[in-house]
Amino acid sequence: MLKKAVICSGLFLMCATAVTAGPYDEVMRKYSQETYFTGFAEVKASGDQYKDRRRVEVLSRLDIAKKIKVTIKSNTVDIMCERSGNAVFDDKSECINMITEVVEESVDEVLEGAEIAEIGEDKAKGTVYAVAVLQKKTAAERAAVSSRESFEKAKEHLEKARVAEDETARQEQANKAKAELMKGMTYVGSVSALDEVRSNAVSSFDELAQEIKKIEENN
């Protein structure tokens, strides 16, 4: 009798878990946190199905964006504001401020690969929800391409700075190189899922940061 009671209790708990598990929990089982960024949004149903669905789609993507921004700052500040960044920026606060300025652009580009994995209505709660997912590896590969492009632009500006005829033009090109360098590192900082991408970017950053320092010291 006791054995049967235990079995029934176990079945009850399993059923209760299945009933209370929300849509986000279900999707999380399908999309590993090691492989995907995930975003969740839920709003009260207004009666306008199109409007509600559109809102939760946008908000779920923004939820991913918030998580990526945290990743950018934790990964990028260390490299740019603590390491060779000291050669480029006057102080740490200037470095952090510049990261904040360019982070939106890199996040928007990374989010282009985000997809809505699930969208629906919870009639019991009277809400509409959506779950967005972004594959980390795909996003990292896209970020790697964007970072390389930014580093190439930084090199072009540095070359123009070297042959500039006056200090004003030289400093202008150096500032443009600095901006591209910052942009390139935020792309990498946004999705550091690939160690190779990160290590190659750090190497390029160190080299370009030293070049910018040389040009500015010659002004």
C-alpha atoms as a PDB file:
ATOM      1  CA  MET A   1       0.000   0.000   0.000  1.00  0.00           C
ATOM      2  CA  LEU A   2       2.821   2.344   0.950  1.00  0.00           C
ATOM      3  CA  LYS A   3       4.635   1.551  -2.293  1.00  0.00           C
ATOM      4  CA  LYS A   4       1.525   2.394  -4.297  1.00  0.00           C
ATOM      5  CA  ALA A   5       1.143   5.651  -2.390  1.00  0.00           C
ATOM      6  CA  VAL A   6       4.748   6.619  -3.167  1.00  0.00           C
ATOM      7  CA  ILE A   7       4.260   5.833  -6.852  1.00  0.00           C
ATOM      8  CA  CYS A   8       1.060   7.865  -6.968  1.00  0.00           C
ATOM      9  CA  SER A   9       2.775  10.765  -5.195  1.00  0.00           C
ATOM     10  CA  GLY A  10       5.590  10.627  -7.720  1.00  0.00           C
ATOM     11  CA  LEU A  11       3.148  10.650 -10.616  1.00  0.00           C
ATOM     12  CA  PHE A  12       1.287  13.573  -9.062  1.00  0.00           C
ATOM     13  CA  LEU A  13       4.475  15.600  -8.777  1.00  0.00           C
ATOM     14  CA  MET A  14       5.356  14.852 -12.402  1.00  0.00           C
ATOM     15  CA  CYS A  15       1.895  15.931 -13.529  1.00  0.00           C
ATOM     16  CA  ALA A  16       2.043  19.068 -11.402  1.00  0.00           C
ATOM     17  CA  THR A  17       5.433  19.956 -12.887  1.00  0.00           C
ATOM     18  CA  ALA A  18       4.122  19.462 -16.400  1.00  0.00           C
ATOM     19  CA  VAL A  19       1.124  21.678 -15.701  1.00  0.00           C
ATOM     20  CA  THR A  20       3.076  24.494 -14.052  1.00  0.00           C
ATOM     21  CA  ALA A  21       5.991  24.506 -16.497  1.00  0.00           C
ATOM     22  CA  GLY A  22       5.751  27.675 -18.574  1.00  0.00           C
ATOM     23  CA  PRO A  23       6.471  28.123 -22.286  1.00  0.00           C
ATOM     24  CA  TYR A  24       9.937  29.486 -21.516  1.00  0.00           C
ATOM     25  CA  ASP A  25      10.809  26.366 -19.533  1.00  0.00           C
ATOM     26  CA  GLU A  26       9.697  24.141 -22.391  1.00  0.00           C
ATOM     27  CA  VAL A  27      11.797  26.012 -24.950  1.00  0.00           C
ATOM     28  CA  MET A  28      14.805  26.024 -22.612  1.00  0.00           C
ATOM     29  CA  ARG A  29      14.797  22.250 -22.770  1.00  0.00           C
ATOM     30  CA  LYS A  30      15.131  22.436 -26.552  1.00  0.00           C
ATOM     31  CA  TYR A  31      17.695  25.250 -26.741  1.00  0.00           C
ATOM     32  CA  SER A  32      20.787  24.757 -24.571  1.00  0.00           C
ATOM     33  CA  GLN A  33      22.238  27.865 -22.913  1.00  0.00           C
ATOM     34  CA  GLU A  34      25.660  26.687 -24.057  1.00  0.00           C
ATOM     35  CA  THR A  35      24.549  26.852 -27.683  1.00  0.00           C
ATOM     36  CA  TYR A  36      21.973  29.641 -27.764  1.00  0.00           C
ATOM     37  CA  PHE A  37      21.169  33.059 -26.394  1.00  0.00           C
ATOM     38  CA  THR A  38      17.483  33.048 -25.440  1.00  0.00           C
ATOM     39  CA  GLY A  39      15.019  35.863 -24.811  1.00  0.00           C
ATOM     40  CA  PHE A  40      11.532  35.727 -23.329  1.00  0.00           C
ATOM     41  CA  ALA A  41       8.678  38.242 -23.345  1.00  0.00           C
ATOM     42  CA  GLU A  42       5.137  38.096 -22.021  1.00  0.00           C
ATOM     43  CA  VAL A  43       2.393  40.763 -22.143  1.00  0.00           C
ATOM     44  CA  LYS A  44      -1.262  40.964 -21.169  1.00  0.00           C
ATOM     45  CA  ALA A  45      -3.520  40.107 -24.107  1.00  0.00           C
ATOM     46  CA  SER A  46      -5.182  43.257 -25.414  1.00  0.00           C
ATOM     47  CA  GLY A  47      -7.570  41.605 -27.839  1.00  0.00           C
ATOM     48  CA  ASP A  48      -5.551  42.802 -30.809  1.00  0.00           C
ATOM     49  CA  GLN A  49      -3.734  39.585 -31.724  1.00  0.00           C
ATOM     50  CA  TYR A  50      -1.450  41.135 -34.351  1.00  0.00           C
ATOM     51  CA  LYS A  51      -0.362  43.951 -32.027  1.00  0.00           C
ATOM     52  CA  ASP A  52       0.284  41.588 -29.119  1.00  0.00           C
ATOM     53  CA  ARG A  53       2.303  39.165 -31.207  1.00  0.00           C
ATOM     54  CA  ARG A  54       4.366  41.979 -32.671  1.00  0.00           C
ATOM     55  CA  ARG A  55       5.080  43.380 -29.194  1.00  0.00           C
ATOM     56  CA  VAL A  56       6.298  40.100 -27.734  1.00  0.00           C
ATOM     57  CA  GLU A  57       8.430  39.394 -30.810  1.00  0.00           C
ATOM     58  CA  VAL A  58      10.219  42.722 -30.395  1.00  0.00           C
ATOM     59  CA  LEU A  59      10.499  42.409 -26.601  1.00  0.00           C
ATOM     60  CA  SER A  60      11.889  38.866 -26.731  1.00  0.00           C
ATOM     61  CA  ARG A  61      14.627  40.037 -29.105  1.00  0.00           C
ATOM     62  CA  LEU A  62      15.339  42.974 -26.801  1.00  0.00           C
ATOM     63  CA  ASP A  63      15.717  40.491 -23.943  1.00  0.00           C
ATOM     64  CA  ILE A  64      18.523  38.821 -25.909  1.00  0.00           C
ATOM     65  CA  ALA A  65      20.018  42.255 -26.610  1.00  0.00           C
ATOM     66  CA  LYS A  66      20.170  43.053 -22.885  1.00  0.00           C
ATOM     67  CA  LYS A  67      22.063  39.837 -22.198  1.00  0.00           C
ATOM     68  CA  ILE A  68      24.486  40.492 -25.064  1.00  0.00           C
ATOM     69  CA  LYS A  69      25.180  44.010 -23.771  1.00  0.00           C
ATOM     70  CA  VAL A  70      26.226  42.561 -20.421  1.00  0.00           C
ATOM     71  CA  THR A  71      28.507  40.118 -22.253  1.00  0.00           C
ATOM     72  CA  ILE A  72      30.016  42.922 -24.333  1.00  0.00           C
ATOM     73  CA  LYS A  73      30.935  45.001 -21.297  1.00  0.00           C
ATOM     74  CA  SER A  74      32.377  42.132 -19.299  1.00  0.00           C
ATOM     75  CA  ASN A  75      34.443  40.832 -22.236  1.00  0.00           C
ATOM     76  CA  THR A  76      35.436  44.102 -23.872  1.00  0.00           C
ATOM     77  CA  VAL A  77      36.201  46.392 -20.941  1.00  0.00           C
ATOM     78  CA  ASP A  78      38.903  44.015 -19.711  1.00  0.00           C
ATOM     79  CA  ILE A  79      40.694  44.012 -23.065  1.00  0.00           C
ATOM     80  CA  MET A  80      40.181  47.607 -24.115  1.00  0.00           C
ATOM     81  CA  CYS A  81      40.236  49.488 -20.834  1.00  0.00           C
ATOM     82  CA  GLU A  82      42.660  47.416 -18.765  1.00  0.00           C
ATOM     83  CA  ARG A  83      45.153  46.020 -21.285  1.00  0.00           C
ATOM     84  CA  SER A  84      46.475  47.733 -24.410  1.00  0.00           C
ATOM     85  CA  GLY A  85      43.576  50.158 -24.237  1.00  0.00           C
ATOM     86  CA  ASN A  86      45.702  52.176 -21.845  1.00  0.00           C
ATOM     87  CA  ALA A  87      47.779  53.062 -24.884  1.00  0.00           C
ATOM     88  CA  VAL A  88      44.757  54.471 -26.721  1.00  0.00           C
ATOM     89  CA  PHE A  89      42.540  56.106 -24.111  1.00  0.00           C
ATOM     90  CA  ASP A  90      43.378  58.811 -21.604  1.00  0.00           C
ATOM     91  CA  ASP A  91      41.654  56.952 -18.778  1.00  0.00           C
ATOM     92  CA  LYS A  92      39.366  54.022 -18.055  1.00  0.00           C
ATOM     93  CA  SER A  93      36.206  56.151 -17.887  1.00  0.00           C
ATOM     94  CA  GLU A  94      36.813  57.492 -21.417  1.00  0.00           C
ATOM     95  CA  CYS A  95      37.239  53.935 -22.642  1.00  0.00           C
ATOM     96  CA  ILE A  96      34.017  52.719 -20.994  1.00  0.00           C
ATOM     97  CA  ASN A  97      32.087  55.710 -22.335  1.00  0.00           C
ATOM     98  CA  MET A  98      33.207  54.949 -25.880  1.00  0.00           C
ATOM     99  CA  ILE A  99      32.185  51.304 -25.505  1.00  0.00           C
ATOM    100  CA  THR A 100      28.718  52.442 -24.433  1.00  0.00           C
ATOM    101  CA  GLU A 101      28.436  54.660 -27.505  1.00  0.00           C
ATOM    102  CA  VAL A 102      29.230  51.955 -30.065  1.00  0.00           C
ATOM    103  CA  VAL A 103      27.643  48.958 -28.354  1.00  0.00           C
ATOM    104  CA  GLU A 104      24.183  49.547 -29.843  1.00  0.00           C
ATOM    105  CA  GLU A 105      25.435  49.190 -33.410  1.00  0.00           C
ATOM    106  CA  SER A 106      27.231  45.911 -32.779  1.00  0.00           C
ATOM    107  CA  VAL A 107      24.276  44.461 -30.860  1.00  0.00           C
ATOM    108  CA  ASP A 108      21.872  45.330 -33.683  1.00  0.00           C
ATOM    109  CA  GLU A 109      24.043  43.518 -36.214  1.00  0.00           C
ATOM    110  CA  VAL A 110      24.450  40.462 -34.017  1.00  0.00           C
ATOM    111  CA  LEU A 111      20.672  40.288 -33.461  1.00  0.00           C
ATOM    112  CA  GLU A 112      20.027  39.924 -37.193  1.00  0.00           C
ATOM    113  CA  GLY A 113      20.314  36.156 -36.748  1.00  0.00           C
ATOM    114  CA  ALA A 114      17.745  35.953 -33.933  1.00  0.00           C
ATOM    115  CA  GLU A 115      14.620  33.893 -34.602  1.00  0.00           C
ATOM    116  CA  ILE A 116      11.283  33.515 -32.835  1.00  0.00           C
ATOM    117  CA  ALA A 117      11.312  29.923 -31.605  1.00  0.00           C
ATOM    118  CA  GLU A 118       7.852  29.977 -30.100  1.00  0.00           C
ATOM    119  CA  ILE A 119       4.934  32.370 -29.832  1.00  0.00           C
ATOM    120  CA  GLY A 120       1.535  31.762 -28.330  1.00  0.00           C
ATOM    121  CA  GLU A 121      -1.166  32.654 -25.842  1.00  0.00           C
ATOM    122  CA  ASP A 122      -1.575  31.505 -22.266  1.00  0.00           C
ATOM    123  CA  LYS A 123      -5.354  31.678 -21.929  1.00  0.00           C
ATOM    124  CA  ALA A 124      -5.282  30.779 -18.240  1.00  0.00           C
ATOM    125  CA  LYS A 125      -3.155  33.860 -17.493  1.00  0.00           C
ATOM    126  CA  GLY A 126      -4.592  36.011 -20.264  1.00  0.00           C
ATOM    127  CA  THR A 127      -1.159  36.684 -21.734  1.00  0.00           C
ATOM    128  CA  VAL A 128       0.694  36.442 -25.037  1.00  0.00           C
ATOM    129  CA  TYR A 129       4.309  35.264 -25.004  1.00  0.00           C
ATOM    130  CA  ALA A 130       7.264  34.762 -27.324  1.00  0.00           C
ATOM    131  CA  VAL A 131      10.658  33.104 -27.046  1.00  0.00           C
ATOM    132  CA  ALA A 132      13.517  34.287 -29.273  1.00  0.00           C
ATOM    133  CA  VAL A 133      16.725  32.328 -29.841  1.00  0.00           C
ATOM    134  CA  LEU A 134      20.094  33.205 -31.327  1.00  0.00           C
ATOM    135  CA  GLN A 135      22.669  30.524 -32.072  1.00  0.00           C
ATOM    136  CA  LYS A 136      25.937  31.570 -30.441  1.00  0.00           C
ATOM    137  CA  LYS A 137      28.263  29.975 -32.980  1.00  0.00           C
ATOM    138  CA  THR A 138      26.541  31.576 -35.975  1.00  0.00           C
ATOM    139  CA  ALA A 139      26.496  34.930 -34.203  1.00  0.00           C
ATOM    140  CA  ALA A 140      30.173  34.568 -33.285  1.00  0.00           C
ATOM    141  CA  GLU A 141      31.117  33.829 -36.894  1.00  0.00           C
ATOM    142  CA  ARG A 142      29.180  36.885 -38.062  1.00  0.00           C
ATOM    143  CA  ALA A 143      30.852  38.994 -35.385  1.00  0.00           C
ATOM    144  CA  ALA A 144      34.270  37.717 -36.456  1.00  0.00           C
ATOM    145  CA  VAL A 145      33.657  38.924 -40.030  1.00  0.00           C
ATOM    146  CA  SER A 146      32.455  42.326 -38.804  1.00  0.00           C
ATOM    147  CA  SER A 147      35.420  42.706 -36.465  1.00  0.00           C
ATOM    148  CA  ARG A 148      37.891  41.925 -39.268  1.00  0.00           C
ATOM    149  CA  GLU A 149      36.216  44.528 -41.473  1.00  0.00           C
ATOM    150  CA  SER A 150      36.489  47.129 -38.710  1.00  0.00           C
ATOM    151  CA  PHE A 151      40.144  46.286 -38.106  1.00  0.00           C
ATOM    152  CA  GLU A 152      40.855  46.677 -41.842  1.00  0.00           C
ATOM    153  CA  LYS A 153      39.194  50.104 -41.804  1.00  0.00           C
ATOM    154  CA  ALA A 154      41.270  51.017 -38.763  1.00  0.00           C
ATOM    155  CA  LYS A 155      44.434  50.081 -40.681  1.00  0.00           C
ATOM    156  CA  GLU A 156      43.338  52.251 -43.616  1.00  0.00           C
ATOM    157  CA  HIS A 157      42.858  55.248 -41.325  1.00  0.00           C
ATOM    158  CA  LEU A 158      46.232  54.615 -39.703  1.00  0.00           C
ATOM    159  CA  GLU A 159      47.913  54.586 -43.103  1.00  0.00           C
ATOM    160  CA  LYS A 160      46.262  57.902 -43.950  1.00  0.00           C
ATOM    161  CA  ALA A 161      47.427  59.267 -40.600  1.00  0.00           C
ATOM    162  CA  ARG A 162      51.029  58.302 -41.376  1.00  0.00           C
ATOM    163  CA  VAL A 163      51.077  60.270 -44.633  1.00  0.00           C
ATOM    164  CA  ALA A 164      48.984  63.219 -43.404  1.00  0.00           C
ATOM    165  CA  GLU A 165      50.640  66.574 -44.050  1.00  0.00           C
ATOM    166  CA  ASP A 166      49.567  68.309 -40.821  1.00  0.00           C
ATOM    167  CA  GLU A 167      48.818  67.414 -37.226  1.00  0.00           C
ATOM    168  CA  THR A 168      45.090  68.132 -37.492  1.00  0.00           C
ATOM    169  CA  ALA A 169      44.585  65.673 -40.354  1.00  0.00           C
ATOM    170  CA  ARG A 170      46.814  63.118 -38.650  1.00  0.00           C
ATOM    171  CA  GLN A 171      44.827  63.293 -35.400  1.00  0.00           C
ATOM    172  CA  GLU A 172      41.534  63.111 -37.294  1.00  0.00           C
ATOM    173  CA  GLN A 173      42.561  59.862 -38.975  1.00  0.00           C
ATOM    174  CA  ALA A 174      43.907  58.497 -35.689  1.00  0.00           C
ATOM    175  CA  ASN A 175      40.531  59.178 -34.044  1.00  0.00           C
ATOM    176  CA  LYS A 176      38.745  57.373 -36.876  1.00  0.00           C
ATOM    177  CA  ALA A 177      41.103  54.427 -36.462  1.00  0.00           C
ATOM    178  CA  LYS A 178      40.367  54.415 -32.732  1.00  0.00           C
ATOM    179  CA  ALA A 179      36.605  54.367 -33.390  1.00  0.00           C
ATOM    180  CA  GLU A 180      36.896  51.436 -35.817  1.00  0.00           C
ATOM    181  CA  LEU A 181      39.140  49.613 -33.375  1.00  0.00           C
ATOM    182  CA  MET A 182      36.535  50.038 -30.647  1.00  0.00           C
ATOM    183  CA  LYS A 183      33.768  48.855 -32.950  1.00  0.00           C
ATOM    184  CA  GLY A 184      35.750  45.784 -33.946  1.00  0.00           C
ATOM    185  CA  MET A 185      36.294  44.747 -30.354  1.00  0.00           C
ATOM    186  CA  THR A 186      32.644  45.178 -29.389  1.00  0.00           C
ATOM    187  CA  TYR A 187      31.696  42.760 -32.166  1.00  0.00           C
ATOM    188  CA  VAL A 188      33.997  40.190 -30.627  1.00  0.00           C
ATOM    189  CA  GLY A 189      32.906  41.023 -27.094  1.00  0.00           C
ATOM    190  CA  SER A 190      29.261  40.511 -27.994  1.00  0.00           C
ATOM    191  CA  VAL A 191      29.682  36.799 -28.624  1.00  0.00           C
ATOM    192  CA  SER A 192      32.893  35.263 -27.314  1.00  0.00           C
ATOM    193  CA  ALA A 193      31.613  31.732 -27.968  1.00  0.00           C
ATOM    194  CA  LEU A 194      34.632  30.961 -30.150  1.00  0.00           C
ATOM    195  CA  ASP A 195      37.962  31.166 -28.302  1.00  0.00           C
ATOM    196  CA  GLU A 196      39.864  31.369 -31.584  1.00  0.00           C
ATOM    197  CA  VAL A 197      37.906  34.441 -32.653  1.00  0.00           C
ATOM    198  CA  ARG A 198      38.631  36.137 -29.331  1.00  0.00           C
ATOM    199  CA  SER A 199      42.371  35.368 -29.290  1.00  0.00           C
ATOM    200  CA  ASN A 200      42.891  36.515 -32.880  1.00  0.00           C
ATOM    201  CA  ALA A 201      40.972  39.723 -32.205  1.00  0.00           C
ATOM    202  CA  VAL A 202      42.983  40.483 -29.071  1.00  0.00           C
ATOM    203  CA  SER A 203      46.196  40.062 -31.043  1.00  0.00           C
ATOM    204  CA  SER A 204      44.970  42.460 -33.763  1.00  0.00           C
ATOM    205  CA  PHE A 205      43.761  44.915 -31.143  1.00  0.00           C
ATOM    206  CA  ASP A 206      47.114  44.983 -29.335  1.00  0.00           C
ATOM    207  CA  GLU A 207      48.958  45.655 -32.587  1.00  0.00           C
ATOM    208  CA  LEU A 208      46.650  48.425 -33.760  1.00  0.00           C
ATOM    209  CA  ALA A 209      46.500  50.050 -30.319  1.00  0.00           C
ATOM    210  CA  GLN A 210      50.292  50.397 -30.302  1.00  0.00           C
ATOM    211  CA  GLU A 211      50.226  51.912 -33.806  1.00  0.00           C
ATOM    212  CA  ILE A 212      47.652  54.511 -32.731  1.00  0.00           C
ATOM    213  CA  LYS A 213      49.798  55.354 -29.702  1.00  0.00           C
ATOM    214  CA  LYS A 214      52.863  55.956 -31.911  1.00  0.00           C
ATOM    215  CA  ILE A 215      50.944  58.310 -34.208  1.00  0.00           C
ATOM    216  CA  GLU A 216      49.456  60.303 -31.336  1.00  0.00           C
ATOM    217  CA  GLU A 217      52.846  60.624 -29.619  1.00  0.00           C
ATOM    218  CA  ASN A 218      54.262  62.112 -32.831  1.00  0.00           C
ATOM    219  CA  ASN A 219      51.613  64.866 -32.904  1.00  0.00           C
END
